[in-house]
Amino acid sequence: MIYTLQTKDKQEFYMISHAEDFYWVLWDFAQDVLRHHLKHNPEELTEEQLDIVDKISDRFYEIMSEHGVDFEHVS
């Protein structure tokens, strides 16, 4: 039997079937971009630039919290 999904169903199927991929994108961004710069500052960002990264990091985690997701329940 062949199933044909409607547009809405295709979108939902994509979201569900790629949930782990979305998680790892968020994890990599949080670790490889935000944390990496704030903890190690490899490019020796200025204080102003680090402040911007810090604010982005805060907002990133606020948005995650607003959606009821965090890394503690998975990792």
PDB file of N, CA and C in Angstrom:
ATOM      1  N   MET A   1       0.835  -1.166   0.000  1.00  0.00           N
ATOM      2  CA  MET A   1       0.000   0.000   0.000  1.00  0.00           C
ATOM      3  C   MET A   1       0.891   1.244   0.000  1.00  0.00           C
ATOM      4  N   ILE A   2       0.543   2.206  -0.797  1.00  0.00           N
ATOM      5  CA  ILE A   2       1.283   3.457  -0.899  1.00  0.00           C
ATOM      6  C   ILE A   2       0.481   4.558  -0.206  1.00  0.00           C
ATOM      7  N   TYR A   3       1.160   5.321   0.642  1.00  0.00           N
ATOM      8  CA  TYR A   3       0.512   6.421   1.338  1.00  0.00           C
ATOM      9  C   TYR A   3       0.934   7.735   0.708  1.00  0.00           C
ATOM     10  N   THR A   4      -0.010   8.612   0.499  1.00  0.00           N
ATOM     11  CA  THR A   4       0.260   9.951  -0.011  1.00  0.00           C
ATOM     12  C   THR A   4      -0.125  10.939   1.080  1.00  0.00           C
ATOM     13  N   LEU A   5       0.872  11.690   1.524  1.00  0.00           N
ATOM     14  CA  LEU A   5       0.625  12.654   2.593  1.00  0.00           C
ATOM     15  C   LEU A   5       0.211  13.993   2.019  1.00  0.00           C
ATOM     16  N   GLN A   6      -0.732  14.627   2.693  1.00  0.00           N
ATOM     17  CA  GLN A   6      -1.122  15.981   2.331  1.00  0.00           C
ATOM     18  C   GLN A   6      -0.022  16.929   2.792  1.00  0.00           C
ATOM     19  N   THR A   7      -0.036  18.170   2.314  1.00  0.00           N
ATOM     20  CA  THR A   7       1.013  19.137   2.629  1.00  0.00           C
ATOM     21  C   THR A   7       1.223  19.277   4.133  1.00  0.00           C
ATOM     22  N   LYS A   8       0.151  19.455   4.891  1.00  0.00           N
ATOM     23  CA  LYS A   8       0.268  19.610   6.348  1.00  0.00           C
ATOM     24  C   LYS A   8       0.874  18.358   6.974  1.00  0.00           C
ATOM     25  N   ASP A   9       0.454  17.208   6.515  1.00  0.00           N
ATOM     26  CA  ASP A   9       0.976  15.950   7.041  1.00  0.00           C
ATOM     27  C   ASP A   9       2.454  15.788   6.696  1.00  0.00           C
ATOM     28  N   LYS A  10       2.854  16.223   5.514  1.00  0.00           N
ATOM     29  CA  LYS A  10       4.264  16.158   5.125  1.00  0.00           C
ATOM     30  C   LYS A  10       5.115  17.018   6.053  1.00  0.00           C
ATOM     31  N   GLN A  11       4.602  18.207   6.380  1.00  0.00           N
ATOM     32  CA  GLN A  11       5.326  19.105   7.278  1.00  0.00           C
ATOM     33  C   GLN A  11       5.466  18.476   8.657  1.00  0.00           C
ATOM     34  N   GLU A  12       4.390  17.926   9.171  1.00  0.00           N
ATOM     35  CA  GLU A  12       4.427  17.280  10.483  1.00  0.00           C
ATOM     36  C   GLU A  12       5.350  16.072  10.471  1.00  0.00           C
ATOM     37  N   PHE A  13       5.290  15.282   9.414  1.00  0.00           N
ATOM     38  CA  PHE A  13       6.158  14.113   9.296  1.00  0.00           C
ATOM     39  C   PHE A  13       7.620  14.548   9.273  1.00  0.00           C
ATOM     40  N   TYR A  14       7.920  15.598   8.530  1.00  0.00           N
ATOM     41  CA  TYR A  14       9.292  16.105   8.456  1.00  0.00           C
ATOM     42  C   TYR A  14       9.781  16.548   9.836  1.00  0.00           C
ATOM     43  N   MET A  15       8.952  17.306  10.551  1.00  0.00           N
ATOM     44  CA  MET A  15       9.339  17.792  11.877  1.00  0.00           C
ATOM     45  C   MET A  15       9.600  16.628  12.827  1.00  0.00           C
ATOM     46  N   ILE A  16       8.723  15.650  12.821  1.00  0.00           N
ATOM     47  CA  ILE A  16       8.876  14.506  13.713  1.00  0.00           C
ATOM     48  C   ILE A  16      10.080  13.664  13.318  1.00  0.00           C
ATOM     49  N   SER A  17      10.237  13.412  12.050  1.00  0.00           N
ATOM     50  CA  SER A  17      11.319  12.527  11.619  1.00  0.00           C
ATOM     51  C   SER A  17      12.692  13.193  11.678  1.00  0.00           C
ATOM     52  N   HIS A  18      12.734  14.528  11.809  1.00  0.00           N
ATOM     53  CA  HIS A  18      14.011  15.239  11.903  1.00  0.00           C
ATOM     54  C   HIS A  18      14.240  15.888  13.268  1.00  0.00           C
ATOM     55  N   ALA A  19      13.444  15.510  14.247  1.00  0.00           N
ATOM     56  CA  ALA A  19      13.561  16.116  15.575  1.00  0.00           C
ATOM     57  C   ALA A  19      14.966  15.969  16.153  1.00  0.00           C
ATOM     58  N   GLU A  20      15.552  14.804  16.007  1.00  0.00           N
ATOM     59  CA  GLU A  20      16.911  14.602  16.526  1.00  0.00           C
ATOM     60  C   GLU A  20      17.910  15.487  15.790  1.00  0.00           C
ATOM     61  N   ASP A  21      17.729  15.660  14.498  1.00  0.00           N
ATOM     62  CA  ASP A  21      18.615  16.544  13.731  1.00  0.00           C
ATOM     63  C   ASP A  21      18.502  17.983  14.228  1.00  0.00           C
ATOM     64  N   PHE A  22      17.271  18.420  14.490  1.00  0.00           N
ATOM     65  CA  PHE A  22      17.075  19.770  15.024  1.00  0.00           C
ATOM     66  C   PHE A  22      17.761  19.919  16.377  1.00  0.00           C
ATOM     67  N   TYR A  23      17.630  18.897  17.205  1.00  0.00           N
ATOM     68  CA  TYR A  23      18.297  18.919  18.510  1.00  0.00           C
ATOM     69  C   TYR A  23      19.796  19.130  18.336  1.00  0.00           C
ATOM     70  N   TRP A  24      20.427  18.371  17.452  1.00  0.00           N
ATOM     71  CA  TRP A  24      21.881  18.461  17.292  1.00  0.00           C
ATOM     72  C   TRP A  24      22.304  19.784  16.670  1.00  0.00           C
ATOM     73  N   VAL A  25      21.473  20.384  15.845  1.00  0.00           N
ATOM     74  CA  VAL A  25      21.773  21.722  15.326  1.00  0.00           C
ATOM     75  C   VAL A  25      21.807  22.716  16.484  1.00  0.00           C
ATOM     76  N   LEU A  26      20.802  22.667  17.351  1.00  0.00           N
ATOM     77  CA  LEU A  26      20.767  23.549  18.504  1.00  0.00           C
ATOM     78  C   LEU A  26      21.944  23.290  19.436  1.00  0.00           C
ATOM     79  N   TRP A  27      22.238  22.020  19.692  1.00  0.00           N
ATOM     80  CA  TRP A  27      23.352  21.660  20.564  1.00  0.00           C
ATOM     81  C   TRP A  27      24.678  22.188  19.995  1.00  0.00           C
ATOM     82  N   ASP A  28      24.907  21.948  18.719  1.00  0.00           N
ATOM     83  CA  ASP A  28      26.148  22.420  18.096  1.00  0.00           C
ATOM     84  C   ASP A  28      26.259  23.933  18.152  1.00  0.00           C
ATOM     85  N   PHE A  29      25.167  24.630  17.908  1.00  0.00           N
ATOM     86  CA  PHE A  29      25.191  26.094  17.981  1.00  0.00           C
ATOM     87  C   PHE A  29      25.521  26.549  19.398  1.00  0.00           C
ATOM     88  N   ALA A  30      24.860  25.933  20.379  1.00  0.00           N
ATOM     89  CA  ALA A  30      25.093  26.317  21.774  1.00  0.00           C
ATOM     90  C   ALA A  30      26.526  26.038  22.201  1.00  0.00           C
ATOM     91  N   GLN A  31      27.063  24.900  21.781  1.00  0.00           N
ATOM     92  CA  GLN A  31      28.408  24.513  22.210  1.00  0.00           C
ATOM     93  C   GLN A  31      29.511  25.105  21.338  1.00  0.00           C
ATOM     94  N   ASP A  32      29.369  24.942  20.035  1.00  0.00           N
ATOM     95  CA  ASP A  32      30.445  25.323  19.115  1.00  0.00           C
ATOM     96  C   ASP A  32      30.496  26.812  18.831  1.00  0.00           C
ATOM     97  N   VAL A  33      29.410  27.506  19.040  1.00  0.00           N
ATOM     98  CA  VAL A  33      29.397  28.947  18.765  1.00  0.00           C
ATOM     99  C   VAL A  33      29.339  29.721  20.074  1.00  0.00           C
ATOM    100  N   LEU A  34      28.237  29.599  20.790  1.00  0.00           N
ATOM    101  CA  LEU A  34      28.029  30.425  21.978  1.00  0.00           C
ATOM    102  C   LEU A  34      29.035  30.111  23.086  1.00  0.00           C
ATOM    103  N   ARG A  35      29.017  28.887  23.571  1.00  0.00           N
ATOM    104  CA  ARG A  35      29.886  28.521  24.691  1.00  0.00           C
ATOM    105  C   ARG A  35      31.362  28.670  24.327  1.00  0.00           C
ATOM    106  N   HIS A  36      31.700  28.240  23.136  1.00  0.00           N
ATOM    107  CA  HIS A  36      33.090  28.284  22.692  1.00  0.00           C
ATOM    108  C   HIS A  36      33.629  29.713  22.747  1.00  0.00           C
ATOM    109  N   HIS A  37      32.858  30.661  22.235  1.00  0.00           N
ATOM    110  CA  HIS A  37      33.316  32.051  22.246  1.00  0.00           C
ATOM    111  C   HIS A  37      33.337  32.632  23.652  1.00  0.00           C
ATOM    112  N   LEU A  38      32.312  32.320  24.425  1.00  0.00           N
ATOM    113  CA  LEU A  38      32.239  32.900  25.766  1.00  0.00           C
ATOM    114  C   LEU A  38      33.286  32.310  26.710  1.00  0.00           C
ATOM    115  N   LYS A  39      33.609  31.035  26.530  1.00  0.00           N
ATOM    116  CA  LYS A  39      34.553  30.391  27.436  1.00  0.00           C
ATOM    117  C   LYS A  39      36.002  30.542  26.974  1.00  0.00           C
ATOM    118  N   HIS A  40      36.234  30.398  25.685  1.00  0.00           N
ATOM    119  CA  HIS A  40      37.609  30.352  25.185  1.00  0.00           C
ATOM    120  C   HIS A  40      38.032  31.589  24.403  1.00  0.00           C
ATOM    121  N   ASN A  41      37.071  32.301  23.829  1.00  0.00           N
ATOM    122  CA  ASN A  41      37.337  33.509  23.044  1.00  0.00           C
ATOM    123  C   ASN A  41      38.498  33.299  22.060  1.00  0.00           C
ATOM    124  N   PRO A  42      38.383  32.316  21.162  1.00  0.00           N
ATOM    125  CA  PRO A  42      39.499  31.964  20.282  1.00  0.00           C
ATOM    126  C   PRO A  42      39.924  33.072  19.326  1.00  0.00           C
ATOM    127  N   GLU A  43      38.994  33.902  18.919  1.00  0.00           N
ATOM    128  CA  GLU A  43      39.346  34.983  17.997  1.00  0.00           C
ATOM    129  C   GLU A  43      39.667  36.268  18.750  1.00  0.00           C
ATOM    130  N   GLU A  44      39.723  36.154  20.080  1.00  0.00           N
ATOM    131  CA  GLU A  44      39.981  37.311  20.922  1.00  0.00           C
ATOM    132  C   GLU A  44      39.038  38.464  20.578  1.00  0.00           C
ATOM    133  N   LEU A  45      37.765  38.162  20.740  1.00  0.00           N
ATOM    134  CA  LEU A  45      36.742  39.162  20.493  1.00  0.00           C
ATOM    135  C   LEU A  45      36.877  40.304  21.488  1.00  0.00           C
ATOM    136  N   THR A  46      36.446  41.477  21.092  1.00  0.00           N
ATOM    137  CA  THR A  46      36.465  42.629  21.987  1.00  0.00           C
ATOM    138  C   THR A  46      35.410  42.428  23.081  1.00  0.00           C
ATOM    139  N   GLU A  47      35.486  43.216  24.122  1.00  0.00           N
ATOM    140  CA  GLU A  47      34.498  43.137  25.197  1.00  0.00           C
ATOM    141  C   GLU A  47      33.093  43.397  24.661  1.00  0.00           C
ATOM    142  N   GLU A  48      32.976  44.334  23.747  1.00  0.00           N
ATOM    143  CA  GLU A  48      31.674  44.636  23.155  1.00  0.00           C
ATOM    144  C   GLU A  48      31.144  43.440  22.372  1.00  0.00           C
ATOM    145  N   GLN A  49      32.004  42.791  21.613  1.00  0.00           N
ATOM    146  CA  GLN A  49      31.587  41.624  20.850  1.00  0.00           C
ATOM    147  C   GLN A  49      31.196  40.474  21.774  1.00  0.00           C
ATOM    148  N   LEU A  50      31.977  40.268  22.831  1.00  0.00           N
ATOM    149  CA  LEU A  50      31.641  39.222  23.792  1.00  0.00           C
ATOM    150  C   LEU A  50      30.324  39.516  24.484  1.00  0.00           C
ATOM    151  N   ASP A  51      30.056  40.784  24.757  1.00  0.00           N
ATOM    152  CA  ASP A  51      28.787  41.177  25.360  1.00  0.00           C
ATOM    153  C   ASP A  51      27.626  40.830  24.432  1.00  0.00           C
ATOM    154  N   ILE A  52      27.808  41.057  23.152  1.00  0.00           N
ATOM    155  CA  ILE A  52      26.774  40.719  22.166  1.00  0.00           C
ATOM    156  C   ILE A  52      26.553  39.205  22.132  1.00  0.00           C
ATOM    157  N   VAL A  53      27.630  38.431  22.112  1.00  0.00           N
ATOM    158  CA  VAL A  53      27.509  36.970  22.113  1.00  0.00           C
ATOM    159  C   VAL A  53      26.803  36.509  23.387  1.00  0.00           C
ATOM    160  N   ASP A  54      27.132  37.126  24.515  1.00  0.00           N
ATOM    161  CA  ASP A  54      26.495  36.789  25.784  1.00  0.00           C
ATOM    162  C   ASP A  54      24.992  37.070  25.733  1.00  0.00           C
ATOM    163  N   LYS A  55      24.613  38.197  25.165  1.00  0.00           N
ATOM    164  CA  LYS A  55      23.194  38.534  25.039  1.00  0.00           C
ATOM    165  C   LYS A  55      22.475  37.571  24.096  1.00  0.00           C
ATOM    166  N   ILE A  56      23.141  37.200  23.019  1.00  0.00           N
ATOM    167  CA  ILE A  56      22.559  36.220  22.093  1.00  0.00           C
ATOM    168  C   ILE A  56      22.380  34.886  22.806  1.00  0.00           C
ATOM    169  N   SER A  57      23.374  34.493  23.580  1.00  0.00           N
ATOM    170  CA  SER A  57      23.290  33.243  24.335  1.00  0.00           C
ATOM    171  C   SER A  57      22.114  33.274  25.306  1.00  0.00           C
ATOM    172  N   ASP A  58      21.982  34.374  26.038  1.00  0.00           N
ATOM    173  CA  ASP A  58      20.855  34.499  26.973  1.00  0.00           C
ATOM    174  C   ASP A  58      19.523  34.380  26.252  1.00  0.00           C
ATOM    175  N   ARG A  59      19.399  35.071  25.137  1.00  0.00           N
ATOM    176  CA  ARG A  59      18.133  35.040  24.380  1.00  0.00           C
ATOM    177  C   ARG A  59      17.879  33.654  23.797  1.00  0.00           C
ATOM    178  N   PHE A  60      18.919  32.997  23.328  1.00  0.00           N
ATOM    179  CA  PHE A  60      18.820  31.638  22.784  1.00  0.00           C
ATOM    180  C   PHE A  60      18.195  30.709  23.821  1.00  0.00           C
ATOM    181  N   TYR A  61      18.723  30.753  25.059  1.00  0.00           N
ATOM    182  CA  TYR A  61      18.202  29.881  26.102  1.00  0.00           C
ATOM    183  C   TYR A  61      16.815  30.316  26.577  1.00  0.00           C
ATOM    184  N   GLU A  62      16.517  31.606  26.515  1.00  0.00           N
ATOM    185  CA  GLU A  62      15.166  32.071  26.827  1.00  0.00           C
ATOM    186  C   GLU A  62      14.158  31.498  25.832  1.00  0.00           C
ATOM    187  N   ILE A  63      14.512  31.545  24.553  1.00  0.00           N
ATOM    188  CA  ILE A  63      13.621  31.019  23.515  1.00  0.00           C
ATOM    189  C   ILE A  63      13.410  29.520  23.711  1.00  0.00           C
ATOM    190  N   MET A  64      14.486  28.803  24.007  1.00  0.00           N
ATOM    191  CA  MET A  64      14.339  27.370  24.271  1.00  0.00           C
ATOM    192  C   MET A  64      13.384  27.148  25.436  1.00  0.00           C
ATOM    193  N   SER A  65      13.561  27.923  26.501  1.00  0.00           N
ATOM    194  CA  SER A  65      12.708  27.791  27.678  1.00  0.00           C
ATOM    195  C   SER A  65      11.252  28.120  27.354  1.00  0.00           C
ATOM    196  N   GLU A  66      11.046  29.149  26.549  1.00  0.00           N
ATOM    197  CA  GLU A  66       9.684  29.527  26.147  1.00  0.00           C
ATOM    198  C   GLU A  66       8.976  28.387  25.422  1.00  0.00           C
ATOM    199  N   HIS A  67       9.755  27.567  24.743  1.00  0.00           N
ATOM    200  CA  HIS A  67       9.196  26.425  24.002  1.00  0.00           C
ATOM    201  C   HIS A  67       9.241  25.130  24.812  1.00  0.00           C
ATOM    202  N   GLY A  68       9.704  25.245  26.062  1.00  0.00           N
ATOM    203  CA  GLY A  68       9.701  24.089  26.943  1.00  0.00           C
ATOM    204  C   GLY A  68      10.739  23.041  26.613  1.00  0.00           C
ATOM    205  N   VAL A  69      11.851  23.451  26.032  1.00  0.00           N
ATOM    206  CA  VAL A  69      12.913  22.501  25.712  1.00  0.00           C
ATOM    207  C   VAL A  69      14.217  22.927  26.367  1.00  0.00           C
ATOM    208  N   ASP A  70      15.026  21.927  26.701  1.00  0.00           N
ATOM    209  CA  ASP A  70      16.351  22.205  27.228  1.00  0.00           C
ATOM    210  C   ASP A  70      17.243  21.006  26.925  1.00  0.00           C
ATOM    211  N   PHE A  71      18.516  21.187  27.160  1.00  0.00           N
ATOM    212  CA  PHE A  71      19.480  20.113  26.872  1.00  0.00           C
ATOM    213  C   PHE A  71      19.604  19.128  28.032  1.00  0.00           C
ATOM    214  N   GLU A  72      19.173  19.508  29.213  1.00  0.00           N
ATOM    215  CA  GLU A  72      19.351  18.665  30.404  1.00  0.00           C
ATOM    216  C   GLU A  72      18.561  17.373  30.339  1.00  0.00           C
ATOM    217  N   HIS A  73      17.448  17.368  29.656  1.00  0.00           N
ATOM    218  CA  HIS A  73      16.613  16.159  29.613  1.00  0.00           C
ATOM    219  C   HIS A  73      17.093  15.134  28.591  1.00  0.00           C
ATOM    220  N   VAL A  74      18.049  15.505  27.765  1.00  0.00           N
ATOM    221  CA  VAL A  74      18.477  14.610  26.699  1.00  0.00           C
ATOM    222  C   VAL A  74      19.927  14.202  26.864  1.00  0.00           C
ATOM    223  N   SER A  75      20.789  15.159  27.139  1.00  0.00           N
ATOM    224  CA  SER A  75      22.227  14.837  27.152  1.00  0.00           C
ATOM    225  C   SER A  75      22.671  14.221  28.438  1.00  0.00           C
TER     226      SER A  75
END
